C-alpha atoms as a PDB file:
ATOM      1  CA  ILE A   1       8.296   4.703   1.478  1.00  0.00           C
ATOM      2  CA  GLU A   2       5.459   2.375   0.562  1.00  0.00           C
ATOM      3  CA  THR A   3       4.583   4.461  -2.470  1.00  0.00           C
ATOM      4  CA  ILE A   4       7.926   3.515  -4.024  1.00  0.00           C
ATOM      5  CA  PHE A   5       6.478   0.049  -4.627  1.00  0.00           C
ATOM      6  CA  LEU A   6       3.547   1.487  -6.575  1.00  0.00           C
ATOM      7  CA  TYR A   7       5.647   2.863  -9.454  1.00  0.00           C
ATOM      8  CA  PRO A   8       7.061  -0.462 -10.763  1.00  0.00           C
ATOM      9  CA  TRP A   9       3.619  -1.986 -10.427  1.00  0.00           C
ATOM     10  CA  ALA A  10       2.040   0.823 -12.432  1.00  0.00           C
ATOM     11  CA  VAL A  11       4.670   0.487 -15.164  1.00  0.00           C
ATOM     12  CA  SER A  12       4.141  -3.263 -15.584  1.00  0.00           C
ATOM     13  CA  PHE A  13       0.417  -3.333 -14.813  1.00  0.00           C
ATOM     14  CA  GLU A  14      -0.692  -4.961 -18.078  1.00  0.00           C
ATOM     15  CA  ALA A  15       1.975  -7.673 -17.951  1.00  0.00           C
ATOM     16  CA  LEU A  16       1.050  -8.732 -14.419  1.00  0.00           C
ATOM     17  CA  GLY A  17      -2.622  -9.298 -15.123  1.00  0.00           C
ATOM     18  CA  LEU A  18      -5.220 -10.083 -12.499  1.00  0.00           C
ATOM     19  CA  PHE A  19      -2.750 -11.716 -10.109  1.00  0.00           C
ATOM     20  CA  GLY A  20      -0.629  -8.560  -9.973  1.00  0.00           C
ATOM     21  CA  PHE A  21      -3.715  -6.429  -9.427  1.00  0.00           C
ATOM     22  CA  VAL A  22      -4.938  -8.570  -6.521  1.00  0.00           C
ATOM     23  CA  GLU A  23      -1.449  -8.624  -5.046  1.00  0.00           C
ATOM     24  CA  MET A  24      -1.202  -4.830  -5.107  1.00  0.00           C
ATOM     25  CA  VAL A  25      -4.698  -4.367  -3.690  1.00  0.00           C
ATOM     26  CA  LEU A  26      -3.746  -6.607  -0.761  1.00  0.00           C
ATOM     27  CA  PHE A  27      -0.557  -4.592  -0.261  1.00  0.00           C
ATOM     28  CA  ILE A  28      -2.435  -1.279  -0.261  1.00  0.00           C
ATOM     29  CA  VAL A  29      -5.056  -2.632   2.155  1.00  0.00           C
ATOM     30  CA  THR A  30      -2.311  -3.866   4.501  1.00  0.00           C
ATOM     31  CA  VAL A  31      -0.566  -0.488   4.443  1.00  0.00           C
ATOM     32  CA  PHE A  32      -3.879   1.293   5.038  1.00  0.00           C
ATOM     33  CA  ILE A  33      -4.707  -0.938   8.024  1.00  0.00           C
ATOM     34  CA  ALA A  34      -1.255  -0.364   9.527  1.00  0.00           C
ATOM     35  CA  TYR A  35      -1.519   3.402   8.983  1.00  0.00           C
ATOM     36  CA  THR A  36      -4.977   3.481  10.586  1.00  0.00           C
ATOM     37  CA  TYR A  37      -3.746   1.464  13.572  1.00  0.00           C
ATOM     38  CA  VAL A  38      -0.811   3.808  14.189  1.00  0.00           C
ATOM     39  CA  TRP A  39      -3.029   6.860  13.738  1.00  0.00           C
ATOM     40  CA  ARG A  40      -5.638   5.617  16.220  1.00  0.00           C
ATOM     41  CA  ARG A  41      -2.936   4.763  18.773  1.00  0.00           C
ATOM     42  CA  GLY A  42      -1.665   8.351  18.599  1.00  0.00           C
ATOM     43  CA  GLY A  43       1.612   7.547  16.896  1.00  0.00           C
ATOM     44  CA  LEU A  44       1.239  10.332  14.344  1.00  0.00           C
ATOM     45  CA  ASN A  45       0.733  13.170  16.835  1.00  0.00           C
ATOM     46  CA  TRP A  46       3.575  15.678  16.841  1.00  0.00           C
ATOM     47  CA  ASP A  47       2.679  17.123  20.251  1.00  0.00           C
END
């Protein structure tokens, strides 16, 4: 689901400038931290 937000950002990358880049990096880092947390807690195990 989170990857849906990457497409509009990629399309308008040049218009957003540095602010848009920093904003998207923060978003990706937040998603990565959340994914890592869930993974380490065992939430992604299908057993």
